[in-house]
N, C-alpha and C. Protein backbone atom coordinates (compact mmCIF):
# COMPACT_ATOMS: atom_id res chain seq x y z
N UNK A 1 -25.86 -37.62 48.36
CA UNK A 1 -25.04 -36.85 49.29
C UNK A 1 -24.41 -35.69 48.54
N UNK A 2 -24.52 -34.52 49.10
CA UNK A 2 -23.94 -33.33 48.49
C UNK A 2 -22.75 -32.86 49.32
N UNK A 3 -21.87 -32.14 48.66
CA UNK A 3 -20.72 -31.54 49.33
C UNK A 3 -20.94 -30.04 49.47
N UNK A 4 -20.52 -29.51 50.61
CA UNK A 4 -20.61 -28.08 50.87
C UNK A 4 -19.33 -27.62 51.54
N UNK A 5 -19.09 -26.32 51.43
CA UNK A 5 -18.05 -25.65 52.20
C UNK A 5 -18.76 -24.63 53.07
N UNK A 6 -18.36 -24.54 54.33
CA UNK A 6 -18.97 -23.57 55.25
C UNK A 6 -18.08 -22.35 55.37
N UNK A 7 -18.68 -21.16 55.25
CA UNK A 7 -17.91 -19.97 55.56
C UNK A 7 -17.98 -19.71 57.06
N UNK A 8 -17.26 -18.73 57.52
CA UNK A 8 -17.11 -18.49 58.96
C UNK A 8 -18.43 -18.18 59.64
N UNK A 9 -19.17 -17.22 59.10
CA UNK A 9 -20.43 -16.85 59.74
C UNK A 9 -21.41 -18.02 59.77
N UNK A 10 -21.51 -18.73 58.69
CA UNK A 10 -22.44 -19.86 58.65
C UNK A 10 -22.09 -20.89 59.72
N UNK A 11 -20.82 -21.23 59.83
CA UNK A 11 -20.40 -22.23 60.81
C UNK A 11 -20.68 -21.75 62.24
N UNK A 12 -20.24 -20.53 62.54
CA UNK A 12 -20.43 -20.02 63.90
C UNK A 12 -21.90 -19.83 64.24
N UNK A 13 -22.67 -19.34 63.29
CA UNK A 13 -24.09 -19.13 63.56
C UNK A 13 -24.80 -20.46 63.76
N UNK A 14 -24.38 -21.50 63.06
CA UNK A 14 -24.97 -22.82 63.29
C UNK A 14 -24.61 -23.32 64.69
N UNK A 15 -23.34 -23.25 65.02
CA UNK A 15 -22.89 -23.78 66.31
C UNK A 15 -23.49 -23.02 67.49
N UNK A 16 -23.80 -21.74 67.31
CA UNK A 16 -24.34 -20.94 68.41
C UNK A 16 -25.85 -20.77 68.31
N UNK A 17 -26.47 -21.48 67.37
CA UNK A 17 -27.92 -21.43 67.19
C UNK A 17 -28.41 -20.00 67.00
N UNK A 18 -27.69 -19.26 66.16
CA UNK A 18 -27.98 -17.85 65.91
C UNK A 18 -29.11 -17.72 64.88
N UNK A 19 -30.07 -16.85 65.17
CA UNK A 19 -31.22 -16.63 64.27
C UNK A 19 -30.83 -16.06 62.92
N UNK A 20 -29.63 -15.52 62.79
CA UNK A 20 -29.21 -14.94 61.51
C UNK A 20 -28.91 -16.02 60.46
N UNK A 21 -28.73 -17.25 60.89
CA UNK A 21 -28.53 -18.35 59.94
C UNK A 21 -29.87 -18.64 59.26
N UNK A 22 -29.85 -18.70 57.94
CA UNK A 22 -31.09 -18.96 57.21
C UNK A 22 -31.60 -20.36 57.49
N UNK A 23 -32.87 -20.56 57.23
CA UNK A 23 -33.46 -21.89 57.43
C UNK A 23 -32.82 -22.91 56.50
N UNK A 24 -32.57 -22.52 55.24
CA UNK A 24 -31.96 -23.44 54.29
C UNK A 24 -30.55 -23.84 54.72
N UNK A 25 -29.76 -22.85 55.17
CA UNK A 25 -28.40 -23.15 55.62
C UNK A 25 -28.45 -24.04 56.87
N UNK A 26 -29.34 -23.72 57.79
CA UNK A 26 -29.47 -24.54 59.00
C UNK A 26 -29.82 -25.98 58.65
N UNK A 27 -30.70 -26.15 57.67
CA UNK A 27 -31.10 -27.49 57.25
C UNK A 27 -29.90 -28.28 56.70
N UNK A 28 -29.04 -27.61 55.94
CA UNK A 28 -27.86 -28.29 55.41
C UNK A 28 -26.98 -28.79 56.55
N UNK A 29 -26.77 -27.95 57.56
CA UNK A 29 -25.97 -28.38 58.72
C UNK A 29 -26.64 -29.54 59.45
N UNK A 30 -27.95 -29.46 59.65
CA UNK A 30 -28.66 -30.54 60.34
C UNK A 30 -28.57 -31.84 59.54
N UNK A 31 -28.73 -31.76 58.23
CA UNK A 31 -28.63 -32.95 57.39
C UNK A 31 -27.21 -33.52 57.42
N UNK A 32 -26.22 -32.65 57.51
CA UNK A 32 -24.83 -33.09 57.62
C UNK A 32 -24.63 -33.85 58.93
N UNK A 33 -25.21 -33.34 60.00
CA UNK A 33 -25.11 -34.01 61.30
C UNK A 33 -25.69 -35.43 61.22
N UNK A 34 -26.68 -35.61 60.36
CA UNK A 34 -27.32 -36.93 60.19
C UNK A 34 -26.60 -37.80 59.15
N UNK A 35 -25.53 -37.28 58.57
CA UNK A 35 -24.76 -38.07 57.62
C UNK A 35 -25.22 -37.96 56.18
N UNK A 36 -26.04 -36.96 55.87
CA UNK A 36 -26.58 -36.82 54.52
C UNK A 36 -25.69 -36.00 53.59
N UNK A 37 -24.74 -35.26 54.14
CA UNK A 37 -23.84 -34.41 53.35
C UNK A 37 -22.45 -34.45 53.97
N UNK A 38 -21.51 -33.88 53.24
CA UNK A 38 -20.18 -33.58 53.77
C UNK A 38 -20.04 -32.06 53.76
N UNK A 39 -19.47 -31.53 54.83
CA UNK A 39 -19.14 -30.10 54.87
C UNK A 39 -17.63 -29.98 55.05
N UNK A 40 -16.99 -29.31 54.10
CA UNK A 40 -15.57 -29.02 54.19
C UNK A 40 -15.41 -27.70 54.94
N UNK A 41 -14.50 -27.70 55.89
CA UNK A 41 -14.23 -26.51 56.70
C UNK A 41 -12.80 -26.08 56.43
N UNK A 42 -12.63 -24.99 55.68
CA UNK A 42 -11.28 -24.51 55.41
C UNK A 42 -10.57 -24.07 56.70
N UNK A 43 -9.27 -24.30 56.77
CA UNK A 43 -8.53 -23.86 57.96
C UNK A 43 -8.64 -22.36 58.15
N UNK A 44 -8.79 -21.60 57.06
CA UNK A 44 -8.95 -20.15 57.20
C UNK A 44 -10.25 -19.83 57.94
N UNK A 45 -11.27 -20.65 57.78
CA UNK A 45 -12.53 -20.47 58.51
C UNK A 45 -12.29 -20.72 60.00
N UNK A 46 -11.48 -21.69 60.32
CA UNK A 46 -11.16 -21.95 61.72
C UNK A 46 -10.41 -20.76 62.34
N UNK A 47 -9.44 -20.23 61.61
CA UNK A 47 -8.67 -19.10 62.12
C UNK A 47 -9.56 -17.86 62.25
N UNK A 48 -10.42 -17.63 61.27
CA UNK A 48 -11.36 -16.50 61.38
C UNK A 48 -12.32 -16.70 62.56
N UNK A 49 -12.74 -17.92 62.79
CA UNK A 49 -13.62 -18.21 63.93
C UNK A 49 -12.91 -17.88 65.24
N UNK A 50 -11.67 -18.27 65.34
CA UNK A 50 -10.88 -17.93 66.53
C UNK A 50 -10.83 -16.42 66.73
N UNK A 51 -10.59 -15.69 65.66
CA UNK A 51 -10.52 -14.23 65.74
C UNK A 51 -11.85 -13.62 66.20
N UNK A 52 -12.94 -14.09 65.63
CA UNK A 52 -14.27 -13.59 65.99
C UNK A 52 -14.56 -13.87 67.47
N UNK A 53 -14.22 -15.06 67.92
CA UNK A 53 -14.47 -15.43 69.32
C UNK A 53 -13.57 -14.63 70.27
N UNK A 54 -12.30 -14.50 69.92
CA UNK A 54 -11.39 -13.74 70.78
C UNK A 54 -11.77 -12.27 70.87
N UNK A 55 -12.34 -11.73 69.81
CA UNK A 55 -12.78 -10.33 69.83
C UNK A 55 -14.16 -10.18 70.45
N UNK A 56 -14.70 -11.30 70.94
CA UNK A 56 -15.98 -11.34 71.63
C UNK A 56 -17.16 -10.88 70.76
N UNK A 57 -17.05 -11.12 69.46
CA UNK A 57 -18.16 -10.83 68.56
C UNK A 57 -19.19 -11.95 68.59
N UNK A 58 -18.73 -13.12 69.05
CA UNK A 58 -19.59 -14.28 69.27
C UNK A 58 -19.19 -14.88 70.60
N UNK A 59 -20.18 -15.14 71.43
CA UNK A 59 -19.90 -15.74 72.74
C UNK A 59 -19.89 -17.26 72.58
N UNK A 60 -18.70 -17.80 72.45
CA UNK A 60 -18.55 -19.24 72.25
C UNK A 60 -17.12 -19.61 72.59
N UNK A 61 -16.89 -20.87 72.84
CA UNK A 61 -15.56 -21.37 73.16
C UNK A 61 -14.96 -21.98 71.90
N UNK A 62 -13.78 -21.51 71.51
CA UNK A 62 -13.16 -22.02 70.29
C UNK A 62 -12.89 -23.52 70.38
N UNK A 63 -12.57 -24.02 71.55
CA UNK A 63 -12.35 -25.46 71.70
C UNK A 63 -13.60 -26.25 71.30
N UNK A 64 -14.77 -25.68 71.56
CA UNK A 64 -16.02 -26.34 71.16
C UNK A 64 -16.19 -26.35 69.64
N UNK A 65 -15.70 -25.30 68.97
CA UNK A 65 -15.73 -25.28 67.51
C UNK A 65 -14.93 -26.47 66.98
N UNK A 66 -13.70 -26.58 67.47
CA UNK A 66 -12.85 -27.69 67.02
C UNK A 66 -13.45 -29.04 67.37
N UNK A 67 -13.95 -29.16 68.57
CA UNK A 67 -14.53 -30.44 69.01
C UNK A 67 -15.73 -30.81 68.15
N UNK A 68 -16.58 -29.86 67.85
CA UNK A 68 -17.77 -30.12 67.04
C UNK A 68 -17.40 -30.66 65.66
N UNK A 69 -16.35 -30.10 65.09
CA UNK A 69 -15.91 -30.52 63.75
C UNK A 69 -15.20 -31.87 63.82
N UNK A 70 -14.34 -32.03 64.79
CA UNK A 70 -13.55 -33.26 64.88
C UNK A 70 -14.38 -34.46 65.32
N UNK A 71 -15.47 -34.21 66.04
CA UNK A 71 -16.30 -35.31 66.53
C UNK A 71 -17.28 -35.85 65.49
N UNK A 72 -17.39 -35.18 64.35
CA UNK A 72 -18.34 -35.61 63.33
C UNK A 72 -17.60 -35.91 62.04
N UNK A 73 -17.65 -37.15 61.60
CA UNK A 73 -16.91 -37.56 60.39
C UNK A 73 -17.44 -36.91 59.12
N UNK A 74 -18.57 -36.23 59.20
CA UNK A 74 -19.12 -35.56 58.02
C UNK A 74 -18.59 -34.14 57.83
N UNK A 75 -17.72 -33.71 58.74
CA UNK A 75 -17.00 -32.45 58.60
C UNK A 75 -15.55 -32.78 58.30
N UNK A 76 -15.02 -32.16 57.26
CA UNK A 76 -13.65 -32.42 56.85
C UNK A 76 -12.90 -31.10 56.80
N UNK A 77 -11.82 -31.03 57.54
CA UNK A 77 -10.99 -29.82 57.54
C UNK A 77 -10.13 -29.82 56.29
N UNK A 78 -10.13 -28.69 55.58
CA UNK A 78 -9.34 -28.57 54.35
C UNK A 78 -8.24 -27.55 54.59
N UNK A 79 -7.00 -27.99 54.49
CA UNK A 79 -5.85 -27.13 54.75
C UNK A 79 -5.58 -26.16 53.62
N UNK A 80 -4.96 -25.05 53.98
CA UNK A 80 -4.47 -24.10 53.00
C UNK A 80 -3.12 -24.62 52.51
N UNK A 81 -3.11 -25.16 51.30
CA UNK A 81 -1.89 -25.75 50.76
C UNK A 81 -1.62 -25.15 49.38
N UNK A 82 -0.60 -25.65 48.72
CA UNK A 82 -0.19 -25.10 47.44
C UNK A 82 -1.29 -25.24 46.38
N UNK A 83 -2.03 -26.33 46.42
CA UNK A 83 -3.13 -26.52 45.47
C UNK A 83 -4.18 -25.40 45.63
N UNK A 84 -4.48 -25.05 46.86
CA UNK A 84 -5.43 -23.97 47.13
C UNK A 84 -4.85 -22.64 46.65
N UNK A 85 -3.60 -22.38 46.97
CA UNK A 85 -2.96 -21.12 46.57
C UNK A 85 -2.99 -20.97 45.05
N UNK A 86 -2.71 -22.05 44.34
CA UNK A 86 -2.73 -22.02 42.88
C UNK A 86 -4.12 -21.68 42.35
N UNK A 87 -5.15 -22.17 43.00
CA UNK A 87 -6.53 -21.88 42.60
C UNK A 87 -6.91 -20.44 42.97
N UNK A 88 -6.45 -19.96 44.12
CA UNK A 88 -6.75 -18.59 44.58
C UNK A 88 -6.26 -17.57 43.56
N UNK A 89 -5.08 -17.81 42.99
CA UNK A 89 -4.50 -16.89 42.02
C UNK A 89 -5.44 -16.66 40.83
N UNK A 90 -6.22 -17.68 40.48
CA UNK A 90 -7.09 -17.61 39.31
C UNK A 90 -8.45 -16.96 39.60
N UNK A 91 -8.75 -16.71 40.86
CA UNK A 91 -10.04 -16.12 41.23
C UNK A 91 -9.84 -14.62 41.39
N UNK A 92 -10.32 -13.86 40.43
CA UNK A 92 -10.05 -12.42 40.40
C UNK A 92 -11.25 -11.56 40.81
N UNK A 93 -12.45 -12.09 40.73
CA UNK A 93 -13.61 -11.23 40.96
C UNK A 93 -14.20 -11.35 42.37
N UNK A 94 -13.46 -11.97 43.27
CA UNK A 94 -13.81 -11.96 44.70
C UNK A 94 -12.72 -11.14 45.37
N UNK A 95 -13.06 -9.94 45.87
CA UNK A 95 -12.03 -9.01 46.30
C UNK A 95 -11.27 -9.39 47.58
N UNK A 96 -11.92 -9.99 48.55
CA UNK A 96 -11.29 -10.24 49.84
C UNK A 96 -10.52 -11.55 49.80
N UNK A 97 -9.26 -11.51 50.22
CA UNK A 97 -8.37 -12.67 50.10
C UNK A 97 -8.89 -13.90 50.84
N UNK A 98 -9.36 -13.74 52.07
CA UNK A 98 -9.86 -14.90 52.81
C UNK A 98 -11.05 -15.53 52.08
N UNK A 99 -11.91 -14.70 51.52
CA UNK A 99 -13.04 -15.20 50.75
C UNK A 99 -12.58 -15.95 49.51
N UNK A 100 -11.52 -15.45 48.87
CA UNK A 100 -10.98 -16.13 47.69
C UNK A 100 -10.49 -17.53 48.06
N UNK A 101 -9.89 -17.67 49.24
CA UNK A 101 -9.42 -18.97 49.69
C UNK A 101 -10.60 -19.92 49.88
N UNK A 102 -11.65 -19.43 50.51
CA UNK A 102 -12.84 -20.26 50.74
C UNK A 102 -13.48 -20.67 49.42
N UNK A 103 -13.57 -19.73 48.49
CA UNK A 103 -14.13 -20.02 47.17
C UNK A 103 -13.25 -21.03 46.44
N UNK A 104 -11.95 -20.88 46.54
CA UNK A 104 -11.03 -21.82 45.88
C UNK A 104 -11.25 -23.24 46.40
N UNK A 105 -11.43 -23.37 47.69
CA UNK A 105 -11.65 -24.70 48.25
C UNK A 105 -12.99 -25.27 47.79
N UNK A 106 -14.01 -24.43 47.71
CA UNK A 106 -15.30 -24.90 47.19
C UNK A 106 -15.15 -25.40 45.75
N UNK A 107 -14.36 -24.70 44.96
CA UNK A 107 -14.14 -25.15 43.58
C UNK A 107 -13.36 -26.45 43.54
N UNK A 108 -12.35 -26.57 44.39
CA UNK A 108 -11.52 -27.77 44.40
C UNK A 108 -12.30 -29.02 44.79
N UNK A 109 -13.26 -28.87 45.70
CA UNK A 109 -14.01 -30.06 46.12
C UNK A 109 -15.39 -30.11 45.49
N UNK A 110 -15.60 -29.29 44.43
CA UNK A 110 -16.85 -29.29 43.67
C UNK A 110 -18.04 -29.24 44.62
N UNK A 111 -18.02 -28.21 45.46
CA UNK A 111 -19.03 -28.10 46.52
C UNK A 111 -19.75 -26.76 46.45
N UNK A 112 -20.96 -26.76 46.96
CA UNK A 112 -21.67 -25.51 47.16
C UNK A 112 -21.09 -24.81 48.37
N UNK A 113 -21.22 -23.50 48.40
CA UNK A 113 -20.68 -22.71 49.50
C UNK A 113 -21.81 -22.15 50.33
N UNK A 114 -21.82 -22.47 51.62
CA UNK A 114 -22.84 -21.95 52.53
C UNK A 114 -22.38 -20.58 52.98
N UNK A 115 -22.99 -19.54 52.42
CA UNK A 115 -22.59 -18.17 52.73
C UNK A 115 -23.71 -17.20 52.41
N UNK A 116 -23.73 -16.10 53.14
CA UNK A 116 -24.65 -15.01 52.80
C UNK A 116 -23.88 -13.83 52.23
N UNK A 117 -22.59 -13.99 52.02
CA UNK A 117 -21.73 -12.92 51.52
C UNK A 117 -22.16 -12.54 50.10
N UNK A 118 -22.63 -11.31 49.96
CA UNK A 118 -23.12 -10.84 48.67
C UNK A 118 -22.05 -10.77 47.59
N UNK A 119 -20.84 -10.39 47.95
CA UNK A 119 -19.77 -10.31 46.95
C UNK A 119 -19.43 -11.69 46.39
N UNK A 120 -19.44 -12.69 47.25
CA UNK A 120 -19.16 -14.06 46.78
C UNK A 120 -20.30 -14.54 45.89
N UNK A 121 -21.52 -14.30 46.32
CA UNK A 121 -22.69 -14.73 45.54
C UNK A 121 -22.70 -14.07 44.17
N UNK A 122 -22.46 -12.76 44.14
CA UNK A 122 -22.47 -12.01 42.87
C UNK A 122 -21.34 -12.42 41.94
N UNK A 123 -20.23 -12.88 42.49
CA UNK A 123 -19.08 -13.28 41.66
C UNK A 123 -19.38 -14.52 40.83
N UNK A 124 -20.31 -15.36 41.28
CA UNK A 124 -20.72 -16.56 40.58
C UNK A 124 -19.55 -17.51 40.26
N UNK A 125 -18.57 -17.52 41.14
CA UNK A 125 -17.44 -18.46 41.00
C UNK A 125 -17.85 -19.87 41.41
N UNK A 126 -18.76 -19.94 42.38
CA UNK A 126 -19.27 -21.21 42.89
C UNK A 126 -20.76 -21.05 43.18
N UNK A 127 -21.46 -22.17 43.28
CA UNK A 127 -22.87 -22.11 43.69
C UNK A 127 -22.92 -21.83 45.18
N UNK A 128 -23.77 -20.89 45.56
CA UNK A 128 -23.89 -20.57 46.97
C UNK A 128 -25.26 -21.00 47.48
N UNK A 129 -25.30 -21.28 48.77
CA UNK A 129 -26.55 -21.67 49.44
C UNK A 129 -26.71 -20.76 50.64
N UNK A 130 -27.90 -20.23 50.78
CA UNK A 130 -28.24 -19.47 51.97
C UNK A 130 -29.74 -19.58 52.16
């Protein structure tokens, strides 16, 4: 069993069956649904998902996002707490603050990060999957 952290686009694209999600990333989500992995979902990803949905960049119901995560024990919500903040301070080569939070959580739970974000991948702070 492997651990992963989902970034916002990866999570939303999986839930909406969007073709922009890579086959490898989609497979990780499918395997998680079958109990083969754990996916940590940072609360910042939930808030970003809400923002994307409210701005109508993705046609989806935010309540379904929450329900999908809460209904599957293989998804674990990770709160933004002091431990995360302390780790964020040490991550200097990821420029965007929300991305730094997601990377910090991936480091804290020793997980791969499901993302296509080039800046995160190039920073090599965590292993990325796409």
